[in-house]
Amino acid sequence: KRGEDSAADPATASINLNWINKTGAMVDTAAADTTVAKWTVQVTVPGTSGKSITGAVITDTIPAQLELLDDASHDVSIKFGSGATTVVPNTEYSYAGNVLTYTFPVGSQPTAGTAATLTFYTKVTAASWSTYLNNNNSISFSNSAKLNWSENVTLTAPSDSYTISSGIGSGGLLSKSGVGDSSYTYSASDPGTIHWTITVNRNKIDIVNAKITDIIPVNQTLLI
């Protein structure tokens, strides 16, 4: 038609804005409390280096079976870029209804070119211990976080989640292993010995009327 130019087609381009990244790992599966997990939430502001946002808040939803762990050995902390890690005072974060909310101070807002990393710890609650760990398979731990700020008036708050897929390894209720004598030489009079070990309740849950049944193959003999 006259006055129209249809030579140019509409074009679409995408930009990857990875505002927030969540990761996690178990602290020490050999410790007294094997359920302690360390979580990090990294905020990266896109755009020109040095440009900052304002009113930034991280909201992290912790599953109902877990709880925030904040003691002398497990601090809530913040780090900007390669700077020193700083313990976050409880005046800068709140924890209620299994939601951890960290409000960046006015003078320490996330800035483009410098990642801000929040670190905290969780553990399984005492009330949930025997139900959450009542599983002989690998037990996972999940967590999710989102970021919002004053200038964000149109976008859904960026979010990310992470699952520690093998937080506690399999065999927490029952595991079995066997070791033979490596120096053994077979003879008809001495068919050899295999040492079997059965470990029960490594997850330390409440168990009532426990009983172990072990079926010995027909080609083996129990030695008592």
N, C-alpha and C. Protein backbone atom coordinates (compact mmCIF):
# COMPACT_ATOMS: atom_id res chain seq x y z
N LYS A 1 0.83 -1.19 0.00
CA LYS A 1 0.00 0.00 0.00
C LYS A 1 0.88 1.26 0.00
N ARG A 2 0.32 2.34 -0.52
CA ARG A 2 1.07 3.59 -0.57
C ARG A 2 1.34 4.08 0.87
N GLY A 3 2.57 4.49 1.11
CA GLY A 3 2.94 5.02 2.42
C GLY A 3 3.41 3.96 3.40
N GLU A 4 3.41 2.70 3.02
CA GLU A 4 3.85 1.62 3.89
C GLU A 4 5.12 0.99 3.36
N ASP A 5 5.98 0.55 4.29
CA ASP A 5 7.23 -0.13 3.91
C ASP A 5 7.25 -1.48 4.59
N SER A 6 7.05 -2.53 3.79
CA SER A 6 7.01 -3.88 4.34
C SER A 6 8.31 -4.63 4.11
N ALA A 7 9.38 -3.90 3.72
CA ALA A 7 10.64 -4.56 3.40
C ALA A 7 11.34 -5.08 4.66
N ALA A 8 11.11 -4.41 5.82
CA ALA A 8 11.80 -4.79 7.06
C ALA A 8 10.87 -5.66 7.91
N ASP A 9 11.32 -6.86 8.27
CA ASP A 9 10.55 -7.75 9.13
C ASP A 9 10.87 -7.47 10.59
N PRO A 10 9.94 -7.75 11.51
CA PRO A 10 10.22 -7.57 12.94
C PRO A 10 11.40 -8.45 13.37
N ALA A 11 12.24 -7.95 14.27
CA ALA A 11 13.40 -8.70 14.76
C ALA A 11 13.31 -8.85 16.27
N THR A 12 13.83 -9.96 16.76
CA THR A 12 13.81 -10.24 18.20
C THR A 12 15.21 -10.59 18.66
N ALA A 13 15.61 -10.06 19.78
CA ALA A 13 16.92 -10.36 20.35
C ALA A 13 16.74 -10.64 21.84
N SER A 14 17.52 -11.55 22.37
CA SER A 14 17.42 -11.87 23.79
C SER A 14 18.72 -11.50 24.51
N ILE A 15 18.58 -11.11 25.76
CA ILE A 15 19.73 -10.76 26.59
C ILE A 15 19.66 -11.59 27.86
N ASN A 16 20.74 -12.25 28.20
CA ASN A 16 20.79 -13.08 29.40
C ASN A 16 21.10 -12.21 30.62
N LEU A 17 20.10 -12.00 31.47
CA LEU A 17 20.27 -11.21 32.68
C LEU A 17 20.25 -12.15 33.88
N ASN A 18 21.40 -12.62 34.25
CA ASN A 18 21.50 -13.59 35.35
C ASN A 18 21.72 -12.83 36.67
N TRP A 19 20.62 -12.29 37.20
CA TRP A 19 20.68 -11.45 38.39
C TRP A 19 21.09 -12.23 39.63
N ILE A 20 20.61 -13.46 39.75
CA ILE A 20 20.78 -14.18 41.01
C ILE A 20 21.13 -15.65 40.74
N ASN A 21 22.05 -16.18 41.53
CA ASN A 21 22.49 -17.57 41.36
C ASN A 21 22.60 -18.22 42.73
N LYS A 22 21.99 -19.40 42.86
CA LYS A 22 21.93 -20.09 44.15
C LYS A 22 22.73 -21.39 44.09
N THR A 23 23.56 -21.67 45.10
CA THR A 23 24.29 -22.93 45.19
C THR A 23 24.27 -23.42 46.63
N GLY A 24 24.63 -24.69 46.82
CA GLY A 24 24.65 -25.25 48.17
C GLY A 24 25.51 -26.50 48.23
N ALA A 25 25.98 -26.82 49.43
CA ALA A 25 26.79 -28.01 49.64
C ALA A 25 26.71 -28.41 51.11
N MET A 26 26.86 -29.71 51.36
CA MET A 26 26.88 -30.17 52.75
C MET A 26 28.19 -29.74 53.40
N VAL A 27 28.15 -29.45 54.68
CA VAL A 27 29.33 -28.95 55.40
C VAL A 27 30.26 -30.08 55.78
N ASP A 28 29.75 -31.08 56.52
CA ASP A 28 30.59 -32.18 56.99
C ASP A 28 29.69 -33.37 57.31
N THR A 29 29.65 -34.34 56.42
CA THR A 29 28.78 -35.50 56.62
C THR A 29 29.29 -36.43 57.70
N ALA A 30 30.48 -36.14 58.28
CA ALA A 30 31.01 -36.94 59.37
C ALA A 30 30.84 -36.24 60.71
N ALA A 31 30.24 -35.04 60.71
CA ALA A 31 30.07 -34.27 61.93
C ALA A 31 28.94 -34.84 62.77
N ALA A 32 28.80 -34.30 63.98
CA ALA A 32 27.73 -34.75 64.88
C ALA A 32 26.36 -34.53 64.25
N ASP A 33 26.18 -33.39 63.58
CA ASP A 33 24.95 -33.12 62.84
C ASP A 33 25.29 -33.19 61.35
N THR A 34 24.91 -34.27 60.73
CA THR A 34 25.26 -34.50 59.32
C THR A 34 24.37 -33.74 58.35
N THR A 35 23.37 -33.00 58.87
CA THR A 35 22.41 -32.33 57.99
C THR A 35 22.74 -30.86 57.75
N VAL A 36 23.84 -30.36 58.29
CA VAL A 36 24.19 -28.94 58.12
C VAL A 36 24.61 -28.68 56.67
N ALA A 37 23.94 -27.72 56.04
CA ALA A 37 24.22 -27.36 54.65
C ALA A 37 24.61 -25.88 54.58
N LYS A 38 25.53 -25.58 53.67
CA LYS A 38 25.97 -24.21 53.44
C LYS A 38 25.38 -23.72 52.12
N TRP A 39 24.69 -22.58 52.16
CA TRP A 39 24.03 -22.04 50.98
C TRP A 39 24.64 -20.68 50.61
N THR A 40 24.77 -20.42 49.32
CA THR A 40 25.24 -19.12 48.85
C THR A 40 24.24 -18.57 47.84
N VAL A 41 24.01 -17.26 47.95
CA VAL A 41 23.16 -16.55 46.99
C VAL A 41 24.00 -15.42 46.41
N GLN A 42 24.30 -15.51 45.13
CA GLN A 42 25.14 -14.49 44.48
C GLN A 42 24.28 -13.58 43.61
N VAL A 43 24.43 -12.29 43.85
CA VAL A 43 23.70 -11.27 43.08
C VAL A 43 24.68 -10.59 42.13
N THR A 44 24.34 -10.57 40.85
CA THR A 44 25.17 -9.92 39.83
C THR A 44 24.31 -8.93 39.07
N VAL A 45 24.62 -7.66 39.21
CA VAL A 45 23.85 -6.61 38.53
C VAL A 45 24.41 -6.43 37.12
N PRO A 46 23.58 -6.59 36.09
CA PRO A 46 24.06 -6.38 34.71
C PRO A 46 24.20 -4.89 34.40
N GLY A 47 24.91 -4.61 33.32
CA GLY A 47 25.02 -3.22 32.90
C GLY A 47 26.41 -2.65 33.10
N THR A 48 26.49 -1.33 33.01
CA THR A 48 27.77 -0.62 33.10
C THR A 48 28.38 -0.76 34.49
N SER A 49 29.66 -1.13 34.52
CA SER A 49 30.34 -1.33 35.79
C SER A 49 30.26 -0.08 36.66
N GLY A 50 29.94 -0.28 37.92
CA GLY A 50 29.84 0.82 38.86
C GLY A 50 28.43 1.30 39.10
N LYS A 51 27.51 0.97 38.20
CA LYS A 51 26.12 1.36 38.37
C LYS A 51 25.47 0.45 39.42
N SER A 52 24.75 1.05 40.36
CA SER A 52 24.16 0.26 41.44
C SER A 52 22.64 0.38 41.43
N ILE A 53 22.01 -0.61 42.06
CA ILE A 53 20.58 -0.55 42.28
C ILE A 53 20.36 -0.09 43.73
N THR A 54 19.14 0.20 44.09
CA THR A 54 18.85 0.64 45.45
C THR A 54 17.72 -0.20 46.04
N GLY A 55 17.67 -0.22 47.36
CA GLY A 55 16.59 -0.96 48.04
C GLY A 55 16.63 -2.45 47.79
N ALA A 56 17.82 -3.01 47.55
CA ALA A 56 17.93 -4.44 47.21
C ALA A 56 17.63 -5.32 48.41
N VAL A 57 16.85 -6.37 48.17
CA VAL A 57 16.46 -7.32 49.22
C VAL A 57 16.52 -8.74 48.66
N ILE A 58 17.18 -9.64 49.39
CA ILE A 58 17.18 -11.07 49.06
C ILE A 58 16.18 -11.76 49.98
N THR A 59 15.29 -12.52 49.38
CA THR A 59 14.32 -13.31 50.16
C THR A 59 14.57 -14.77 49.86
N ASP A 60 14.89 -15.55 50.90
CA ASP A 60 15.22 -16.96 50.72
C ASP A 60 14.23 -17.82 51.50
N THR A 61 13.55 -18.69 50.77
CA THR A 61 12.55 -19.56 51.40
C THR A 61 13.18 -20.90 51.76
N ILE A 62 13.20 -21.21 53.04
CA ILE A 62 13.80 -22.44 53.55
C ILE A 62 12.69 -23.46 53.77
N PRO A 63 12.83 -24.70 53.27
CA PRO A 63 11.78 -25.71 53.44
C PRO A 63 11.40 -25.90 54.91
N ALA A 64 10.17 -26.33 55.13
CA ALA A 64 9.62 -26.42 56.49
C ALA A 64 10.40 -27.37 57.38
N GLN A 65 11.03 -28.39 56.79
CA GLN A 65 11.77 -29.37 57.61
C GLN A 65 13.15 -28.87 58.02
N LEU A 66 13.57 -27.74 57.44
CA LEU A 66 14.87 -27.19 57.74
C LEU A 66 14.72 -25.89 58.53
N GLU A 67 15.82 -25.43 59.13
CA GLU A 67 15.81 -24.16 59.84
C GLU A 67 17.15 -23.47 59.69
N LEU A 68 17.14 -22.15 59.81
CA LEU A 68 18.37 -21.37 59.74
C LEU A 68 19.25 -21.71 60.93
N LEU A 69 20.54 -21.89 60.66
CA LEU A 69 21.53 -22.15 61.71
C LEU A 69 22.46 -20.94 61.78
N ASP A 70 22.40 -20.21 62.88
CA ASP A 70 23.23 -19.02 63.07
C ASP A 70 23.83 -19.07 64.46
N ASP A 71 25.08 -19.55 64.54
CA ASP A 71 25.78 -19.62 65.82
C ASP A 71 27.23 -19.20 65.63
N ALA A 72 28.07 -19.44 66.63
CA ALA A 72 29.45 -18.99 66.58
C ALA A 72 30.23 -19.59 65.42
N SER A 73 29.82 -20.78 64.97
CA SER A 73 30.54 -21.47 63.89
C SER A 73 29.85 -21.34 62.54
N HIS A 74 28.63 -20.84 62.53
CA HIS A 74 27.86 -20.76 61.29
C HIS A 74 27.16 -19.40 61.21
N ASP A 75 27.86 -18.45 60.61
CA ASP A 75 27.34 -17.08 60.53
C ASP A 75 26.58 -16.84 59.24
N VAL A 76 25.65 -15.88 59.29
CA VAL A 76 25.13 -15.29 58.07
C VAL A 76 26.15 -14.23 57.67
N SER A 77 26.63 -14.26 56.44
CA SER A 77 27.70 -13.35 56.03
C SER A 77 27.46 -12.81 54.62
N ILE A 78 28.14 -11.71 54.31
CA ILE A 78 28.04 -11.08 52.99
C ILE A 78 29.45 -10.76 52.50
N LYS A 79 29.63 -10.85 51.19
CA LYS A 79 30.92 -10.54 50.58
C LYS A 79 30.68 -9.82 49.25
N PHE A 80 31.46 -8.75 49.01
CA PHE A 80 31.35 -8.01 47.76
C PHE A 80 32.63 -8.22 46.96
N GLY A 81 32.50 -8.83 45.77
CA GLY A 81 33.65 -9.08 44.91
C GLY A 81 34.72 -9.89 45.62
N SER A 82 35.97 -9.41 45.54
CA SER A 82 37.08 -10.10 46.19
C SER A 82 37.37 -9.55 47.59
N GLY A 83 36.45 -8.73 48.09
CA GLY A 83 36.64 -8.15 49.42
C GLY A 83 36.48 -9.17 50.53
N ALA A 84 36.68 -8.69 51.75
CA ALA A 84 36.58 -9.57 52.91
C ALA A 84 35.13 -9.97 53.19
N THR A 85 34.96 -11.16 53.74
CA THR A 85 33.64 -11.63 54.16
C THR A 85 33.28 -10.97 55.48
N THR A 86 32.07 -10.43 55.55
CA THR A 86 31.62 -9.71 56.74
C THR A 86 30.42 -10.41 57.36
N VAL A 87 30.46 -10.61 58.67
CA VAL A 87 29.32 -11.20 59.36
C VAL A 87 28.16 -10.22 59.34
N VAL A 88 26.98 -10.71 58.99
CA VAL A 88 25.79 -9.86 58.91
C VAL A 88 25.14 -9.77 60.29
N PRO A 89 25.00 -8.57 60.85
CA PRO A 89 24.32 -8.44 62.14
C PRO A 89 22.84 -8.75 61.99
N ASN A 90 22.22 -9.19 63.07
CA ASN A 90 20.80 -9.57 62.96
C ASN A 90 19.88 -8.37 62.73
N THR A 91 20.44 -7.16 62.73
CA THR A 91 19.63 -5.98 62.40
C THR A 91 19.46 -5.83 60.90
N GLU A 92 20.27 -6.56 60.12
CA GLU A 92 20.21 -6.46 58.66
C GLU A 92 19.47 -7.63 58.02
N TYR A 93 19.08 -8.61 58.81
CA TYR A 93 18.29 -9.71 58.26
C TYR A 93 17.20 -10.10 59.24
N SER A 94 16.18 -10.71 58.71
CA SER A 94 15.11 -11.23 59.55
C SER A 94 14.84 -12.68 59.17
N TYR A 95 14.34 -13.44 60.12
CA TYR A 95 14.01 -14.85 59.86
C TYR A 95 12.70 -15.16 60.54
N ALA A 96 11.67 -15.38 59.74
CA ALA A 96 10.35 -15.66 60.28
C ALA A 96 9.58 -16.51 59.29
N GLY A 97 8.86 -17.50 59.81
CA GLY A 97 8.08 -18.37 58.93
C GLY A 97 8.92 -19.09 57.91
N ASN A 98 10.16 -19.47 58.29
CA ASN A 98 11.10 -20.15 57.42
C ASN A 98 11.52 -19.32 56.21
N VAL A 99 11.42 -18.02 56.33
CA VAL A 99 11.88 -17.12 55.27
C VAL A 99 12.99 -16.23 55.82
N LEU A 100 14.16 -16.30 55.18
CA LEU A 100 15.29 -15.45 55.52
C LEU A 100 15.26 -14.24 54.58
N THR A 101 15.21 -13.04 55.17
CA THR A 101 15.18 -11.81 54.38
C THR A 101 16.40 -10.97 54.73
N TYR A 102 17.23 -10.71 53.71
CA TYR A 102 18.41 -9.88 53.90
C TYR A 102 18.22 -8.57 53.15
N THR A 103 18.31 -7.46 53.88
CA THR A 103 18.18 -6.13 53.29
C THR A 103 19.56 -5.49 53.19
N PHE A 104 19.98 -5.20 51.97
CA PHE A 104 21.28 -4.56 51.79
C PHE A 104 21.27 -3.16 52.43
N PRO A 105 22.31 -2.81 53.19
CA PRO A 105 22.39 -1.47 53.77
C PRO A 105 22.43 -0.40 52.67
N VAL A 106 22.01 0.81 53.00
CA VAL A 106 21.95 1.90 52.02
C VAL A 106 23.30 2.12 51.35
N GLY A 107 24.38 2.05 52.10
CA GLY A 107 25.70 2.31 51.54
C GLY A 107 26.39 1.10 50.95
N SER A 108 25.71 -0.04 50.90
CA SER A 108 26.33 -1.28 50.38
C SER A 108 25.36 -2.01 49.47
N GLN A 109 24.90 -1.33 48.43
CA GLN A 109 23.97 -1.91 47.49
C GLN A 109 24.72 -2.70 46.40
N PRO A 110 24.08 -3.72 45.82
CA PRO A 110 24.71 -4.46 44.71
C PRO A 110 25.05 -3.53 43.56
N THR A 111 26.25 -3.72 43.00
CA THR A 111 26.75 -2.84 41.94
C THR A 111 27.20 -3.65 40.74
N ALA A 112 26.92 -3.16 39.56
CA ALA A 112 27.36 -3.85 38.34
C ALA A 112 28.88 -3.97 38.33
N GLY A 113 29.36 -5.16 37.98
CA GLY A 113 30.79 -5.41 37.94
C GLY A 113 31.35 -6.00 39.23
N THR A 114 30.54 -6.01 40.30
CA THR A 114 30.98 -6.57 41.58
C THR A 114 29.89 -7.48 42.13
N ALA A 115 30.14 -8.77 42.17
CA ALA A 115 29.14 -9.71 42.68
C ALA A 115 29.01 -9.58 44.20
N ALA A 116 27.78 -9.67 44.67
CA ALA A 116 27.50 -9.68 46.11
C ALA A 116 27.05 -11.08 46.48
N THR A 117 27.72 -11.70 47.46
CA THR A 117 27.42 -13.09 47.81
C THR A 117 26.99 -13.21 49.26
N LEU A 118 25.76 -13.66 49.47
CA LEU A 118 25.22 -13.91 50.80
C LEU A 118 25.41 -15.39 51.12
N THR A 119 25.91 -15.70 52.32
CA THR A 119 26.14 -17.08 52.74
C THR A 119 25.43 -17.34 54.06
N PHE A 120 24.79 -18.51 54.17
CA PHE A 120 24.14 -18.89 55.43
C PHE A 120 24.07 -20.41 55.51
N TYR A 121 23.61 -20.92 56.65
CA TYR A 121 23.59 -22.37 56.90
C TYR A 121 22.20 -22.81 57.37
N THR A 122 21.87 -24.05 57.05
CA THR A 122 20.63 -24.64 57.55
C THR A 122 20.91 -26.03 58.13
N LYS A 123 19.94 -26.54 58.87
CA LYS A 123 19.99 -27.91 59.36
C LYS A 123 18.57 -28.43 59.47
N VAL A 124 18.42 -29.74 59.58
CA VAL A 124 17.10 -30.35 59.76
C VAL A 124 16.62 -30.05 61.17
N THR A 125 15.36 -29.67 61.31
CA THR A 125 14.82 -29.37 62.63
C THR A 125 14.73 -30.64 63.47
N ALA A 126 14.75 -30.47 64.78
CA ALA A 126 14.64 -31.62 65.68
C ALA A 126 13.30 -32.32 65.49
N ALA A 127 12.25 -31.55 65.26
CA ALA A 127 10.91 -32.14 65.09
C ALA A 127 10.79 -32.96 63.82
N SER A 128 11.57 -32.60 62.79
CA SER A 128 11.47 -33.29 61.50
C SER A 128 12.53 -34.36 61.30
N TRP A 129 13.45 -34.50 62.24
CA TRP A 129 14.61 -35.37 62.06
C TRP A 129 14.21 -36.80 61.68
N SER A 130 13.38 -37.43 62.49
CA SER A 130 13.07 -38.85 62.29
C SER A 130 12.19 -39.11 61.08
N THR A 131 11.50 -38.10 60.57
CA THR A 131 10.69 -38.29 59.37
C THR A 131 11.48 -37.94 58.11
N TYR A 132 12.22 -36.84 58.15
CA TYR A 132 12.99 -36.41 56.97
C TYR A 132 14.11 -37.38 56.64
N LEU A 133 14.70 -38.00 57.67
CA LEU A 133 15.83 -38.91 57.47
C LEU A 133 15.42 -40.37 57.47
N ASN A 134 14.10 -40.62 57.48
CA ASN A 134 13.61 -42.00 57.46
C ASN A 134 13.57 -42.51 56.02
N ASN A 135 14.77 -42.67 55.46
CA ASN A 135 14.88 -43.06 54.06
C ASN A 135 16.25 -43.70 53.85
N ASN A 136 16.27 -44.86 53.24
CA ASN A 136 17.55 -45.54 53.03
C ASN A 136 18.21 -45.13 51.70
N ASN A 137 17.51 -44.32 50.91
CA ASN A 137 18.10 -43.80 49.69
C ASN A 137 18.82 -42.48 49.98
N SER A 138 19.44 -41.90 48.97
CA SER A 138 20.08 -40.60 49.14
C SER A 138 19.02 -39.56 49.48
N ILE A 139 19.35 -38.64 50.38
CA ILE A 139 18.41 -37.62 50.83
C ILE A 139 18.89 -36.26 50.32
N SER A 140 17.99 -35.55 49.65
CA SER A 140 18.35 -34.27 49.05
C SER A 140 17.89 -33.09 49.90
N PHE A 141 18.49 -31.94 49.63
CA PHE A 141 18.13 -30.70 50.31
C PHE A 141 17.95 -29.62 49.25
N SER A 142 16.85 -28.88 49.33
CA SER A 142 16.55 -27.87 48.32
C SER A 142 16.33 -26.51 48.97
N ASN A 143 16.53 -25.47 48.16
CA ASN A 143 16.42 -24.11 48.67
C ASN A 143 16.20 -23.17 47.49
N SER A 144 15.47 -22.07 47.70
CA SER A 144 15.24 -21.12 46.63
C SER A 144 15.33 -19.69 47.17
N ALA A 145 15.72 -18.78 46.29
CA ALA A 145 15.87 -17.38 46.69
C ALA A 145 15.42 -16.47 45.56
N LYS A 146 15.04 -15.24 45.91
CA LYS A 146 14.69 -14.24 44.90
C LYS A 146 15.25 -12.88 45.31
N LEU A 147 15.39 -12.01 44.32
CA LEU A 147 15.93 -10.67 44.53
C LEU A 147 14.94 -9.63 44.05
N ASN A 148 14.80 -8.57 44.84
CA ASN A 148 13.99 -7.44 44.37
C ASN A 148 14.69 -6.15 44.76
N TRP A 149 14.33 -5.05 44.10
CA TRP A 149 14.97 -3.76 44.36
C TRP A 149 14.01 -2.65 43.95
N SER A 150 14.32 -1.43 44.38
CA SER A 150 13.39 -0.31 44.22
C SER A 150 13.08 -0.01 42.76
N GLU A 151 14.08 -0.08 41.88
CA GLU A 151 13.87 0.28 40.48
C GLU A 151 13.10 -0.78 39.69
N ASN A 152 12.93 -1.94 40.26
CA ASN A 152 12.22 -3.01 39.55
C ASN A 152 10.72 -2.86 39.74
N VAL A 153 10.08 -2.24 38.77
CA VAL A 153 8.64 -2.00 38.87
C VAL A 153 7.86 -2.77 37.81
N THR A 154 8.55 -3.47 36.91
CA THR A 154 7.86 -4.18 35.82
C THR A 154 8.17 -5.68 35.78
N LEU A 155 9.37 -6.08 36.22
CA LEU A 155 9.77 -7.48 36.11
C LEU A 155 9.36 -8.29 37.32
N THR A 156 9.06 -9.56 37.09
CA THR A 156 8.90 -10.49 38.22
C THR A 156 10.26 -10.62 38.89
N ALA A 157 10.29 -10.63 40.20
CA ALA A 157 11.56 -10.68 40.93
C ALA A 157 12.39 -11.87 40.44
N PRO A 158 13.64 -11.65 39.98
CA PRO A 158 14.49 -12.76 39.54
C PRO A 158 14.69 -13.76 40.68
N SER A 159 14.71 -15.03 40.34
CA SER A 159 14.84 -16.06 41.38
C SER A 159 15.70 -17.21 40.88
N ASP A 160 16.15 -18.02 41.82
CA ASP A 160 16.92 -19.21 41.47
C ASP A 160 16.77 -20.22 42.61
N SER A 161 16.92 -21.48 42.28
CA SER A 161 16.83 -22.54 43.28
C SER A 161 17.96 -23.54 43.07
N TYR A 162 18.23 -24.32 44.11
CA TYR A 162 19.31 -25.30 44.02
C TYR A 162 18.96 -26.50 44.89
N THR A 163 19.34 -27.70 44.41
CA THR A 163 19.12 -28.93 45.16
C THR A 163 20.44 -29.66 45.35
N ILE A 164 20.76 -29.96 46.60
CA ILE A 164 21.90 -30.81 46.90
C ILE A 164 21.37 -32.24 46.79
N SER A 165 21.61 -32.86 45.65
CA SER A 165 20.94 -34.12 45.31
C SER A 165 21.32 -35.28 46.22
N SER A 166 22.55 -35.32 46.67
CA SER A 166 22.98 -36.41 47.57
C SER A 166 23.51 -35.81 48.87
N GLY A 167 22.64 -35.03 49.52
CA GLY A 167 23.04 -34.39 50.76
C GLY A 167 23.51 -35.40 51.79
N ILE A 168 22.73 -36.45 51.95
CA ILE A 168 23.12 -37.58 52.80
C ILE A 168 23.06 -38.83 51.94
N GLY A 169 24.16 -39.55 51.90
CA GLY A 169 24.26 -40.71 51.02
C GLY A 169 23.30 -41.83 51.39
N SER A 170 23.13 -42.75 50.45
CA SER A 170 22.24 -43.89 50.68
C SER A 170 22.79 -44.81 51.77
N GLY A 171 21.92 -45.64 52.29
CA GLY A 171 22.34 -46.58 53.33
C GLY A 171 22.29 -46.00 54.73
N GLY A 172 21.56 -44.90 54.90
CA GLY A 172 21.50 -44.26 56.21
C GLY A 172 20.75 -45.06 57.26
N LEU A 173 19.86 -45.94 56.83
CA LEU A 173 19.13 -46.80 57.77
C LEU A 173 19.77 -48.17 57.87
N LEU A 174 20.23 -48.69 56.74
CA LEU A 174 20.84 -50.03 56.73
C LEU A 174 21.83 -50.13 55.58
N SER A 175 23.04 -50.54 55.89
CA SER A 175 24.04 -50.77 54.85
C SER A 175 24.86 -52.00 55.20
N LYS A 176 25.40 -52.65 54.17
CA LYS A 176 26.14 -53.88 54.39
C LYS A 176 27.38 -53.90 53.51
N SER A 177 28.47 -54.41 54.04
CA SER A 177 29.72 -54.55 53.29
C SER A 177 30.40 -55.85 53.69
N GLY A 178 31.27 -56.33 52.81
CA GLY A 178 31.98 -57.57 53.09
C GLY A 178 33.42 -57.50 52.64
N VAL A 179 34.31 -58.12 53.40
CA VAL A 179 35.73 -58.13 53.07
C VAL A 179 36.26 -59.55 53.24
N GLY A 180 36.92 -60.06 52.19
CA GLY A 180 37.54 -61.38 52.27
C GLY A 180 39.01 -61.27 52.63
N ASP A 181 39.63 -62.39 52.96
CA ASP A 181 41.05 -62.44 53.29
C ASP A 181 41.85 -62.43 51.99
N SER A 182 42.54 -61.32 51.69
CA SER A 182 43.25 -61.20 50.42
C SER A 182 44.43 -62.16 50.31
N SER A 183 44.95 -62.64 51.45
CA SER A 183 46.09 -63.55 51.42
C SER A 183 45.66 -65.01 51.41
N TYR A 184 44.37 -65.23 51.28
CA TYR A 184 43.83 -66.59 51.40
C TYR A 184 44.17 -67.45 50.18
N THR A 185 44.56 -68.69 50.46
CA THR A 185 44.78 -69.70 49.43
C THR A 185 43.79 -70.83 49.66
N TYR A 186 43.00 -71.12 48.66
CA TYR A 186 41.92 -72.08 48.84
C TYR A 186 42.44 -73.49 49.13
N SER A 187 41.73 -74.15 50.05
CA SER A 187 41.94 -75.59 50.29
C SER A 187 40.60 -76.17 50.70
N ALA A 188 40.43 -77.44 50.47
CA ALA A 188 39.16 -78.10 50.77
C ALA A 188 38.87 -78.08 52.26
N SER A 189 39.91 -78.16 53.10
CA SER A 189 39.71 -78.18 54.54
C SER A 189 39.46 -76.79 55.13
N ASP A 190 39.88 -75.76 54.40
CA ASP A 190 39.69 -74.39 54.88
C ASP A 190 39.11 -73.55 53.75
N PRO A 191 37.80 -73.48 53.66
CA PRO A 191 37.16 -72.78 52.54
C PRO A 191 37.26 -71.25 52.61
N GLY A 192 37.86 -70.70 53.67
CA GLY A 192 38.04 -69.25 53.74
C GLY A 192 36.95 -68.55 54.53
N THR A 193 37.25 -67.31 54.92
CA THR A 193 36.33 -66.54 55.76
C THR A 193 36.06 -65.17 55.11
N ILE A 194 34.81 -64.77 55.11
CA ILE A 194 34.40 -63.44 54.66
C ILE A 194 33.84 -62.69 55.86
N HIS A 195 34.33 -61.51 56.11
CA HIS A 195 33.86 -60.69 57.22
C HIS A 195 32.78 -59.73 56.71
N TRP A 196 31.57 -59.90 57.23
CA TRP A 196 30.46 -59.05 56.83
C TRP A 196 30.19 -58.01 57.92
N THR A 197 29.86 -56.79 57.50
CA THR A 197 29.52 -55.73 58.44
C THR A 197 28.19 -55.11 58.05
N ILE A 198 27.29 -55.04 59.02
CA ILE A 198 25.98 -54.41 58.81
C ILE A 198 25.91 -53.18 59.71
N THR A 199 25.68 -52.03 59.11
CA THR A 199 25.55 -50.78 59.88
C THR A 199 24.09 -50.36 59.89
N VAL A 200 23.59 -50.13 61.09
CA VAL A 200 22.17 -49.81 61.27
C VAL A 200 22.01 -48.38 61.81
N ASN A 201 21.10 -47.65 61.19
CA ASN A 201 20.66 -46.34 61.68
C ASN A 201 21.78 -45.31 61.75
N ARG A 202 22.53 -45.17 60.67
CA ARG A 202 23.53 -44.10 60.60
C ARG A 202 22.86 -42.72 60.61
N ASN A 203 21.59 -42.66 60.22
CA ASN A 203 20.87 -41.39 60.22
C ASN A 203 20.37 -41.00 61.61
N LYS A 204 20.50 -41.91 62.58
CA LYS A 204 20.16 -41.63 63.98
C LYS A 204 18.72 -41.18 64.17
N ILE A 205 17.79 -41.92 63.53
CA ILE A 205 16.38 -41.61 63.73
C ILE A 205 15.83 -42.49 64.85
N ASP A 206 14.61 -42.20 65.30
CA ASP A 206 13.96 -43.02 66.32
C ASP A 206 13.41 -44.28 65.65
N ILE A 207 13.86 -45.44 66.13
CA ILE A 207 13.40 -46.72 65.59
C ILE A 207 12.87 -47.57 66.73
N VAL A 208 11.73 -48.20 66.52
CA VAL A 208 11.11 -49.05 67.53
C VAL A 208 11.02 -50.48 67.00
N ASN A 209 11.32 -51.45 67.87
CA ASN A 209 11.22 -52.88 67.54
C ASN A 209 12.04 -53.23 66.29
N ALA A 210 13.27 -52.78 66.28
CA ALA A 210 14.14 -53.04 65.12
C ALA A 210 14.55 -54.51 65.07
N LYS A 211 14.63 -55.06 63.87
CA LYS A 211 15.04 -56.45 63.68
C LYS A 211 15.78 -56.56 62.35
N ILE A 212 16.93 -57.25 62.35
CA ILE A 212 17.71 -57.46 61.14
C ILE A 212 17.57 -58.91 60.70
N THR A 213 17.28 -59.11 59.42
CA THR A 213 17.22 -60.45 58.85
C THR A 213 18.25 -60.53 57.73
N ASP A 214 19.17 -61.48 57.83
CA ASP A 214 20.22 -61.62 56.82
C ASP A 214 20.15 -63.03 56.23
N ILE A 215 19.96 -63.10 54.92
CA ILE A 215 19.85 -64.40 54.24
C ILE A 215 21.23 -64.80 53.72
N ILE A 216 21.72 -65.90 54.23
CA ILE A 216 23.05 -66.40 53.86
C ILE A 216 22.90 -67.36 52.69
N PRO A 217 23.67 -67.16 51.62
CA PRO A 217 23.57 -68.05 50.44
C PRO A 217 23.87 -69.50 50.80
N VAL A 218 23.35 -70.41 49.99
CA VAL A 218 23.51 -71.86 50.26
C VAL A 218 24.96 -72.30 50.19
N ASN A 219 25.82 -71.57 49.49
CA ASN A 219 27.22 -71.96 49.37
C ASN A 219 28.12 -71.32 50.44
N GLN A 220 27.47 -70.68 51.47
CA GLN A 220 28.22 -70.13 52.59
C GLN A 220 27.70 -70.69 53.90
N THR A 221 28.53 -70.65 54.93
CA THR A 221 28.17 -71.15 56.26
C THR A 221 28.42 -70.06 57.29
N LEU A 222 27.45 -69.87 58.18
CA LEU A 222 27.62 -68.88 59.24
C LEU A 222 28.60 -69.40 60.28
N LEU A 223 29.58 -68.58 60.63
CA LEU A 223 30.57 -68.94 61.65
C LEU A 223 30.27 -68.16 62.92
N ILE A 224 30.00 -68.90 63.99
CA ILE A 224 29.68 -68.29 65.28
C ILE A 224 30.69 -68.74 66.33
